[in-house]
N, C-alpha and C. Protein backbone atom coordinates (compact mmCIF):
# COMPACT_ATOMS: atom_id res chain seq x y z
N UNK A 1 37.90 -19.98 116.16
CA UNK A 1 38.67 -18.76 116.25
C UNK A 1 37.96 -17.72 115.38
N UNK A 2 37.81 -16.53 115.93
CA UNK A 2 37.10 -15.50 115.18
C UNK A 2 38.03 -14.71 114.25
N UNK A 3 37.43 -13.98 113.34
CA UNK A 3 38.18 -13.27 112.31
C UNK A 3 39.07 -12.17 112.91
N UNK A 4 38.65 -11.57 114.02
CA UNK A 4 39.46 -10.51 114.64
C UNK A 4 40.83 -11.05 115.07
N UNK A 5 40.84 -12.25 115.62
CA UNK A 5 42.10 -12.85 116.07
C UNK A 5 42.99 -13.22 114.88
N UNK A 6 42.38 -13.72 113.82
CA UNK A 6 43.15 -14.05 112.61
C UNK A 6 43.75 -12.79 112.01
N UNK A 7 42.96 -11.72 111.98
CA UNK A 7 43.47 -10.44 111.48
C UNK A 7 44.63 -9.94 112.34
N UNK A 8 44.53 -10.14 113.65
CA UNK A 8 45.61 -9.71 114.55
C UNK A 8 46.88 -10.53 114.30
N UNK A 9 46.73 -11.83 114.08
CA UNK A 9 47.89 -12.68 113.75
C UNK A 9 48.57 -12.15 112.50
N UNK A 10 47.77 -11.84 111.49
CA UNK A 10 48.32 -11.33 110.23
C UNK A 10 48.99 -9.98 110.42
N UNK A 11 48.39 -9.11 111.24
CA UNK A 11 48.98 -7.79 111.48
C UNK A 11 50.33 -7.93 112.20
N UNK A 12 50.39 -8.82 113.17
CA UNK A 12 51.66 -9.03 113.89
C UNK A 12 52.71 -9.63 112.96
N UNK A 13 52.31 -10.52 112.07
CA UNK A 13 53.27 -11.11 111.12
C UNK A 13 53.81 -10.03 110.19
N UNK A 14 52.93 -9.16 109.72
CA UNK A 14 53.36 -8.06 108.85
C UNK A 14 54.34 -7.14 109.58
N UNK A 15 53.99 -6.78 110.81
CA UNK A 15 54.84 -5.89 111.59
C UNK A 15 56.19 -6.54 111.88
N UNK A 16 56.18 -7.85 112.12
CA UNK A 16 57.41 -8.58 112.39
C UNK A 16 58.37 -8.49 111.20
N UNK A 17 57.82 -8.64 110.00
CA UNK A 17 58.65 -8.56 108.80
C UNK A 17 59.15 -7.14 108.54
N UNK A 18 58.31 -6.15 108.84
CA UNK A 18 58.65 -4.77 108.51
C UNK A 18 59.58 -4.11 109.53
N UNK A 19 59.22 -4.21 110.80
CA UNK A 19 59.99 -3.45 111.79
C UNK A 19 60.35 -4.23 113.05
N UNK A 20 59.88 -5.43 113.17
CA UNK A 20 60.17 -6.22 114.37
C UNK A 20 59.09 -6.04 115.43
N UNK A 21 59.07 -6.95 116.38
CA UNK A 21 58.07 -6.95 117.43
C UNK A 21 58.71 -6.73 118.79
N UNK A 22 57.94 -6.15 119.70
CA UNK A 22 58.39 -6.04 121.09
C UNK A 22 58.21 -7.41 121.73
N UNK A 23 58.77 -7.59 122.90
CA UNK A 23 58.63 -8.87 123.62
C UNK A 23 57.16 -9.15 123.91
N UNK A 24 56.41 -8.13 124.27
CA UNK A 24 54.99 -8.29 124.57
C UNK A 24 54.23 -8.75 123.33
N UNK A 25 54.55 -8.17 122.18
CA UNK A 25 53.90 -8.55 120.93
C UNK A 25 54.30 -9.96 120.52
N UNK A 26 55.54 -10.35 120.77
CA UNK A 26 55.99 -11.71 120.46
C UNK A 26 55.20 -12.73 121.28
N UNK A 27 54.97 -12.41 122.55
CA UNK A 27 54.19 -13.31 123.41
C UNK A 27 52.75 -13.40 122.92
N UNK A 28 52.17 -12.26 122.56
CA UNK A 28 50.81 -12.25 122.04
C UNK A 28 50.71 -13.08 120.76
N UNK A 29 51.70 -12.92 119.89
CA UNK A 29 51.73 -13.65 118.63
C UNK A 29 51.81 -15.16 118.89
N UNK A 30 52.64 -15.55 119.82
CA UNK A 30 52.79 -16.97 120.15
C UNK A 30 51.48 -17.55 120.69
N UNK A 31 50.81 -16.81 121.57
CA UNK A 31 49.54 -17.28 122.13
C UNK A 31 48.47 -17.39 121.05
N UNK A 32 48.40 -16.39 120.18
CA UNK A 32 47.40 -16.42 119.11
C UNK A 32 47.68 -17.56 118.13
N UNK A 33 48.94 -17.79 117.80
CA UNK A 33 49.28 -18.89 116.90
C UNK A 33 48.93 -20.23 117.52
N UNK A 34 49.23 -20.40 118.81
CA UNK A 34 48.89 -21.64 119.50
C UNK A 34 47.39 -21.88 119.49
N UNK A 35 46.62 -20.83 119.75
CA UNK A 35 45.17 -20.94 119.74
C UNK A 35 44.67 -21.32 118.34
N UNK A 36 45.28 -20.74 117.31
CA UNK A 36 44.89 -21.04 115.93
C UNK A 36 45.19 -22.50 115.60
N UNK A 37 46.38 -22.96 115.93
CA UNK A 37 46.76 -24.35 115.65
C UNK A 37 45.84 -25.31 116.40
N UNK A 38 45.55 -25.01 117.67
CA UNK A 38 44.66 -25.87 118.45
C UNK A 38 43.27 -25.92 117.82
N UNK A 39 42.81 -24.79 117.29
CA UNK A 39 41.51 -24.73 116.64
C UNK A 39 41.49 -25.59 115.38
N UNK A 40 42.52 -25.51 114.57
CA UNK A 40 42.61 -26.29 113.33
C UNK A 40 42.68 -27.78 113.66
N UNK A 41 43.49 -28.15 114.63
CA UNK A 41 43.62 -29.56 115.01
C UNK A 41 42.29 -30.09 115.55
N UNK A 42 41.61 -29.29 116.37
CA UNK A 42 40.32 -29.70 116.91
C UNK A 42 39.29 -29.92 115.81
N UNK A 43 39.26 -29.02 114.83
CA UNK A 43 38.33 -29.17 113.72
C UNK A 43 38.64 -30.42 112.90
N UNK A 44 39.92 -30.67 112.67
CA UNK A 44 40.31 -31.87 111.92
C UNK A 44 39.92 -33.14 112.66
N UNK A 45 40.16 -33.17 113.97
CA UNK A 45 39.80 -34.35 114.76
C UNK A 45 38.30 -34.60 114.72
N UNK A 46 37.50 -33.54 114.81
CA UNK A 46 36.05 -33.73 114.78
C UNK A 46 35.59 -34.23 113.42
N UNK A 47 36.24 -33.77 112.34
CA UNK A 47 35.90 -34.28 111.01
C UNK A 47 36.28 -35.75 110.89
N UNK A 48 37.45 -36.11 111.38
CA UNK A 48 37.89 -37.51 111.29
C UNK A 48 37.02 -38.43 112.13
N UNK A 49 36.47 -37.91 113.23
CA UNK A 49 35.60 -38.72 114.09
C UNK A 49 34.30 -39.10 113.39
N UNK A 50 33.91 -38.34 112.38
CA UNK A 50 32.64 -38.64 111.68
C UNK A 50 32.83 -39.59 110.50
N UNK A 51 34.05 -39.94 110.17
CA UNK A 51 34.31 -40.80 109.01
C UNK A 51 34.04 -42.27 109.35
N UNK A 52 33.32 -42.91 108.46
CA UNK A 52 33.12 -44.36 108.57
C UNK A 52 33.60 -45.01 107.28
N UNK A 53 34.15 -46.19 107.43
CA UNK A 53 34.65 -46.96 106.29
C UNK A 53 33.65 -48.07 106.02
N UNK A 54 33.27 -48.21 104.74
CA UNK A 54 32.33 -49.27 104.35
C UNK A 54 33.11 -50.30 103.54
N UNK A 55 33.08 -51.56 104.01
CA UNK A 55 33.81 -52.61 103.29
C UNK A 55 32.95 -53.19 102.16
N UNK A 56 33.47 -54.21 101.48
CA UNK A 56 32.79 -54.81 100.34
C UNK A 56 31.44 -55.39 100.71
N UNK A 57 31.29 -55.85 101.93
CA UNK A 57 30.05 -56.49 102.37
C UNK A 57 29.06 -55.48 102.93
N UNK A 58 29.41 -54.21 102.92
CA UNK A 58 28.50 -53.17 103.39
C UNK A 58 28.59 -52.88 104.88
N UNK A 59 29.55 -53.49 105.56
CA UNK A 59 29.71 -53.25 106.99
C UNK A 59 30.38 -51.90 107.21
N UNK A 60 29.86 -51.15 108.15
CA UNK A 60 30.40 -49.84 108.46
C UNK A 60 31.29 -49.91 109.70
N UNK A 61 32.46 -49.30 109.60
CA UNK A 61 33.41 -49.27 110.71
C UNK A 61 33.89 -47.84 110.91
N UNK A 62 33.86 -47.38 112.15
CA UNK A 62 34.37 -46.04 112.42
C UNK A 62 35.87 -46.01 112.25
N UNK A 63 36.38 -44.88 111.79
CA UNK A 63 37.81 -44.69 111.65
C UNK A 63 38.43 -44.64 113.05
N UNK A 64 39.53 -45.35 113.26
CA UNK A 64 40.17 -45.42 114.56
C UNK A 64 41.54 -44.76 114.51
N UNK A 65 41.99 -44.31 115.68
CA UNK A 65 43.35 -43.78 115.76
C UNK A 65 44.33 -44.93 115.65
N UNK A 66 45.51 -44.62 115.12
CA UNK A 66 46.55 -45.62 114.99
C UNK A 66 46.89 -46.16 116.38
N UNK A 67 46.95 -47.44 116.52
CA UNK A 67 47.31 -48.06 117.78
C UNK A 67 46.10 -48.49 118.61
N UNK A 68 44.90 -48.18 118.15
CA UNK A 68 43.70 -48.60 118.91
C UNK A 68 43.34 -50.03 118.57
């Protein structure tokens, strides 16, 4: 997510607190927030995918999702 979109999220949040948002702005805010959350979750998943656990014997095991 680029800085322009983050700035827009912040501007809409400020406007919401100060004077309220139109329906169009509320929809834009919801879409931008969803995109931001998806970006953060994607980055976290990619970081977790690179983690390996090393046991006492030096064996490396990739981190797995719960239930795998």
